[in-house]
């Protein structure tokens, strides 16, 4: 489902201006919110650079607008999912994440829905992980250092996304996201998981590596995680034996990795 940019850009701009005004309003009506959601359902699947960039802007507006009688929590999260879909569904048009906090809030909420609510939230979680894993610049990476990834809800979420029955693209995004939090994830004074969970996660992580081509970026990401495991007395005993072979890539990554 596509359209030509030169034909659609003015119309897309008008639609998104109206959406931003609606969700940014202090007192939107129920009808305005409902109409906005219908419009987003129609436009979010389109693969257009204008839509990607404007969806990213709209996502932050949606996340920062306070809930109200017309703008219920359910509608807020539905709108957030649609904007994340419009922004990070496609590989080639990922806008740089300038501030990760809204995405982290979104991710943690959907981790909770999946791990405690039993809901299938694979696609929203995948979109959020893709944003952080593939589109984080220096500012976002620095901001992630102030985020605590060892909170129980977040730990449950990471454990969940690496499971073998999860979609390939979700596990791939998790592979590239884990190095961004590895320093705090592995370097803890006390274990953040039970031993059987750590063992299971190491097995699932190893399985995810086996299912992806070992390109340079994959080598770098997997080595970063392996080094984190090696450096942790909690995790080291659970490393899958055959994954020590990843050390053969050591000389291929730059100094300081």
Protein backbone atom coordinates (compact mmCIF):
# COMPACT_ATOMS: atom_id res chain seq x y z
CA UNK A 1 0.00 0.00 0.00
CA UNK A 2 1.88 3.04 -1.27
CA UNK A 3 1.39 6.42 -2.85
CA UNK A 4 3.53 8.87 -4.78
CA UNK A 5 5.14 11.52 -2.56
CA UNK A 6 4.62 14.39 -4.97
CA UNK A 7 0.89 13.68 -5.09
CA UNK A 8 0.33 12.91 -1.41
CA UNK A 9 2.68 15.20 0.52
CA UNK A 10 0.38 18.25 0.79
CA UNK A 11 -2.57 16.09 1.78
CA UNK A 12 -0.45 14.12 4.25
CA UNK A 13 0.77 17.36 5.80
CA UNK A 14 -2.78 18.60 6.28
CA UNK A 15 -3.89 15.30 7.80
CA UNK A 16 -1.01 15.21 10.27
CA UNK A 17 -1.41 18.86 11.17
CA UNK A 18 -5.02 18.07 12.08
CA UNK A 19 -4.00 14.93 14.02
CA UNK A 20 -1.37 16.84 16.00
CA UNK A 21 -3.88 19.57 16.77
CA UNK A 22 -6.46 17.00 17.90
CA UNK A 23 -4.18 15.00 20.17
CA UNK A 24 -2.40 18.11 21.39
CA UNK A 25 -5.66 19.76 22.41
CA UNK A 26 -6.35 20.16 26.11
CA UNK A 27 -10.03 19.26 25.63
CA UNK A 28 -10.62 17.12 22.55
CA UNK A 29 -14.09 15.74 22.01
CA UNK A 30 -14.83 12.03 21.85
CA UNK A 31 -15.81 12.38 18.20
CA UNK A 32 -12.56 14.17 17.35
CA UNK A 33 -10.47 11.43 18.97
CA UNK A 34 -12.46 8.64 17.32
CA UNK A 35 -12.17 10.26 13.89
CA UNK A 36 -8.45 10.77 14.42
CA UNK A 37 -7.98 7.09 15.26
CA UNK A 38 -9.83 6.04 12.10
CA UNK A 39 -7.63 8.33 10.00
CA UNK A 40 -4.49 6.91 11.64
CA UNK A 41 -5.58 3.33 10.94
CA UNK A 42 -5.81 4.22 7.25
CA UNK A 43 -2.61 6.21 6.92
CA UNK A 44 -0.16 4.42 9.24
CA UNK A 45 0.43 1.38 6.95
CA UNK A 46 1.62 3.60 4.07
CA UNK A 47 5.37 3.46 3.36
CA UNK A 48 6.22 7.10 2.73
CA UNK A 49 9.03 9.21 4.16
CA UNK A 50 6.59 12.02 4.99
CA UNK A 51 4.41 9.62 6.96
CA UNK A 52 7.36 8.16 8.85
CA UNK A 53 8.67 11.55 9.93
CA UNK A 54 5.28 12.97 10.83
CA UNK A 55 4.27 9.79 12.67
CA UNK A 56 7.37 10.15 14.82
CA UNK A 57 6.38 13.71 15.71
CA UNK A 58 2.79 12.66 16.38
CA UNK A 59 3.93 9.76 18.60
CA UNK A 60 5.48 12.17 21.10
CA UNK A 61 2.37 14.36 21.06
CA UNK A 62 0.19 11.30 21.73
CA UNK A 63 2.41 10.10 24.57
CA UNK A 64 2.63 13.47 26.28
CA UNK A 65 -1.06 14.40 26.10
CA UNK A 66 -2.90 13.76 29.36
CA UNK A 67 -5.78 11.31 29.34
CA UNK A 68 -9.30 12.68 29.70
CA UNK A 69 -12.90 11.56 29.46
CA UNK A 70 -12.68 11.66 25.65
CA UNK A 71 -9.03 10.54 25.51
CA UNK A 72 -9.10 7.39 27.62
CA UNK A 73 -5.97 5.34 28.41
CA UNK A 74 -7.15 2.69 25.96
CA UNK A 75 -7.45 5.25 23.15
CA UNK A 76 -4.10 6.79 24.07
CA UNK A 77 -2.30 3.45 23.76
CA UNK A 78 -4.15 2.62 20.55
CA UNK A 79 -3.01 5.93 19.09
CA UNK A 80 0.54 5.33 20.31
CA UNK A 81 0.63 1.89 18.68
CA UNK A 82 -0.57 3.32 15.38
CA UNK A 83 2.06 6.06 15.38
CA UNK A 84 4.82 3.60 16.29
CA UNK A 85 3.64 1.36 13.46
CA UNK A 86 3.74 4.29 11.05
CA UNK A 87 7.22 5.28 12.22
CA UNK A 88 9.22 2.11 12.78
CA UNK A 89 7.53 -0.62 10.74
CA UNK A 90 9.83 -0.21 7.74
CA UNK A 91 13.57 -0.88 7.57
CA UNK A 92 14.79 1.92 5.33
CA UNK A 93 13.06 5.00 6.72
CA UNK A 94 13.80 4.88 10.45
CA UNK A 95 13.94 8.39 11.94
CA UNK A 96 16.64 9.00 14.52
CA UNK A 97 15.40 8.71 18.11
CA UNK A 98 16.09 12.07 19.71
CA UNK A 99 14.65 11.35 23.15
CA UNK A 100 14.05 7.73 24.21
CA UNK A 101 11.84 8.35 27.25
CA UNK A 102 8.48 8.15 25.46
CA UNK A 103 9.57 5.01 23.62
CA UNK A 104 10.84 3.42 26.84
CA UNK A 105 7.51 4.19 28.53
CA UNK A 106 5.68 2.68 25.55
CA UNK A 107 7.93 -0.40 25.61
CA UNK A 108 7.57 -0.99 29.34
CA UNK A 109 3.77 -0.71 29.10
CA UNK A 110 3.60 -3.31 26.34
CA UNK A 111 6.07 -5.57 28.12
CA UNK A 112 3.62 -5.52 31.02
CA UNK A 113 0.62 -6.26 28.80
CA UNK A 114 2.46 -9.21 27.29
CA UNK A 115 4.08 -10.74 30.37
CA UNK A 116 1.41 -10.05 32.98
CA UNK A 117 -1.69 -9.53 30.89
CA UNK A 118 -1.12 -12.46 28.53
CA UNK A 119 -1.73 -10.29 25.46
CA UNK A 120 0.08 -10.66 22.16
CA UNK A 121 1.95 -7.38 21.86
CA UNK A 122 4.79 -8.63 19.65
CA UNK A 123 4.39 -5.99 16.97
CA UNK A 124 4.31 -2.91 19.26
CA UNK A 125 7.27 -4.30 21.23
CA UNK A 126 9.14 -5.03 18.02
CA UNK A 127 8.58 -1.50 16.74
CA UNK A 128 9.83 0.03 19.99
CA UNK A 129 12.91 -2.21 20.11
CA UNK A 130 13.65 -1.47 16.46
CA UNK A 131 13.55 2.24 17.22
CA UNK A 132 16.00 1.95 20.12
CA UNK A 133 18.24 -0.71 18.54
CA UNK A 134 18.53 0.68 15.00
CA UNK A 135 17.88 4.42 15.29
CA UNK A 136 19.60 5.56 18.49
CA UNK A 137 22.16 8.33 18.08
CA UNK A 138 24.77 9.45 20.64
CA UNK A 139 22.25 11.57 22.58
CA UNK A 140 19.83 8.67 22.96
CA UNK A 141 22.58 6.20 23.88
CA UNK A 142 23.72 8.60 26.58
CA UNK A 143 20.14 9.00 27.81
CA UNK A 144 19.76 5.22 28.02
CA UNK A 145 22.54 5.21 30.61
CA UNK A 146 20.15 7.01 32.98
CA UNK A 147 17.49 4.35 32.47
CA UNK A 148 17.29 1.36 34.83
CA UNK A 149 16.82 -1.82 32.74
CA UNK A 150 16.91 -4.04 35.83
CA UNK A 151 13.39 -3.15 36.96
CA UNK A 152 11.42 -6.42 37.27
CA UNK A 153 8.87 -5.50 34.58
CA UNK A 154 11.64 -4.71 32.09
CA UNK A 155 13.57 -7.87 32.96
CA UNK A 156 10.43 -9.93 32.33
CA UNK A 157 10.03 -8.19 28.99
CA UNK A 158 13.55 -8.92 27.78
CA UNK A 159 13.20 -12.54 28.88
CA UNK A 160 9.91 -12.71 26.95
CA UNK A 161 11.18 -11.35 23.61
CA UNK A 162 14.07 -13.80 23.34
CA UNK A 163 11.86 -16.88 23.59
CA UNK A 164 12.13 -19.27 20.66
CA UNK A 165 8.50 -18.91 19.59
CA UNK A 166 8.83 -15.17 19.01
CA UNK A 167 9.01 -13.73 15.46
CA UNK A 168 12.44 -13.47 13.87
CA UNK A 169 12.34 -9.67 13.49
CA UNK A 170 11.41 -9.25 17.16
CA UNK A 171 14.30 -11.42 18.34
CA UNK A 172 16.65 -9.67 15.92
CA UNK A 173 15.73 -6.26 17.32
CA UNK A 174 16.27 -7.62 20.84
CA UNK A 175 19.74 -8.88 19.82
CA UNK A 176 20.76 -5.38 18.80
CA UNK A 177 19.06 -3.68 21.74
CA UNK A 178 20.66 -5.76 24.50
CA UNK A 179 24.18 -4.30 24.02
CA UNK A 180 22.77 -0.82 24.70
CA UNK A 181 21.82 -1.85 28.25
CA UNK A 182 24.42 -4.56 28.78
CA UNK A 183 26.61 -2.64 31.24
CA UNK A 184 23.74 -2.31 33.71
CA UNK A 185 22.03 -5.56 32.83
CA UNK A 186 25.01 -7.80 33.59
CA UNK A 187 27.00 -5.69 36.05
CA UNK A 188 24.71 -5.95 39.08
CA UNK A 189 25.68 -6.85 42.66
CA UNK A 190 22.83 -9.35 42.85
CA UNK A 191 21.22 -11.52 40.14
CA UNK A 192 18.25 -9.96 38.36
CA UNK A 193 16.83 -13.39 37.45
CA UNK A 194 16.59 -16.83 38.94
CA UNK A 195 19.35 -19.24 37.77
CA UNK A 196 16.97 -21.25 35.57
CA UNK A 197 15.77 -18.05 33.90
CA UNK A 198 19.33 -16.89 33.22
CA UNK A 199 20.13 -20.30 31.77
CA UNK A 200 17.02 -20.20 29.60
CA UNK A 201 17.74 -16.68 28.36
CA UNK A 202 21.32 -17.62 27.45
CA UNK A 203 20.00 -20.57 25.44
CA UNK A 204 17.39 -18.41 23.67
CA UNK A 205 19.99 -15.69 22.98
CA UNK A 206 22.30 -18.32 21.48
CA UNK A 207 19.43 -19.64 19.36
CA UNK A 208 18.67 -16.14 18.07
CA UNK A 209 22.32 -15.75 17.04
CA UNK A 210 22.20 -19.07 15.19
CA UNK A 211 19.20 -17.84 13.21
CA UNK A 212 20.84 -14.71 11.80
CA UNK A 213 23.67 -14.12 9.35
CA UNK A 214 26.88 -13.19 11.18
CA UNK A 215 27.48 -9.84 9.54
CA UNK A 216 29.92 -7.35 11.04
CA UNK A 217 27.15 -5.61 13.00
CA UNK A 218 25.93 -8.94 14.39
CA UNK A 219 29.47 -9.90 15.39
CA UNK A 220 29.92 -6.61 17.22
CA UNK A 221 26.55 -6.83 19.02
CA UNK A 222 26.98 -10.45 20.08
CA UNK A 223 30.52 -9.92 21.31
CA UNK A 224 29.36 -6.99 23.46
CA UNK A 225 26.78 -9.20 25.13
CA UNK A 226 29.16 -12.14 25.46
CA UNK A 227 31.74 -9.93 27.17
CA UNK A 228 29.05 -8.71 29.55
CA UNK A 229 28.16 -12.30 30.43
CA UNK A 230 31.81 -13.28 30.83
CA UNK A 231 32.42 -10.34 33.15
CA UNK A 232 29.52 -11.32 35.44
CA UNK A 233 29.84 -14.04 38.05
CA UNK A 234 26.04 -14.38 37.90
CA UNK A 235 25.82 -14.96 34.15
CA UNK A 236 29.13 -16.63 33.32
CA UNK A 237 28.09 -20.16 34.42
CA UNK A 238 25.07 -20.04 32.10
CA UNK A 239 26.85 -19.15 28.85
CA UNK A 240 26.06 -21.75 26.18
CA UNK A 241 29.34 -23.59 25.71
CA UNK A 242 29.43 -23.37 21.93
CA UNK A 243 28.96 -19.59 22.05
CA UNK A 244 32.49 -19.17 23.39
CA UNK A 245 33.38 -19.63 19.72
CA UNK A 246 32.11 -16.10 19.15
CA UNK A 247 35.45 -14.96 20.52
CA UNK A 248 36.89 -15.78 17.11
CA UNK A 249 35.37 -12.48 15.97
CA UNK A 250 37.38 -10.54 18.55
CA UNK A 251 40.05 -9.37 16.10
CA UNK A 252 37.50 -8.20 13.55
CA UNK A 253 35.93 -5.49 15.74
CA UNK A 254 37.61 -2.13 16.33
CA UNK A 255 39.57 -1.31 19.46
CA UNK A 256 37.40 0.02 22.25
CA UNK A 257 34.28 -1.87 21.23
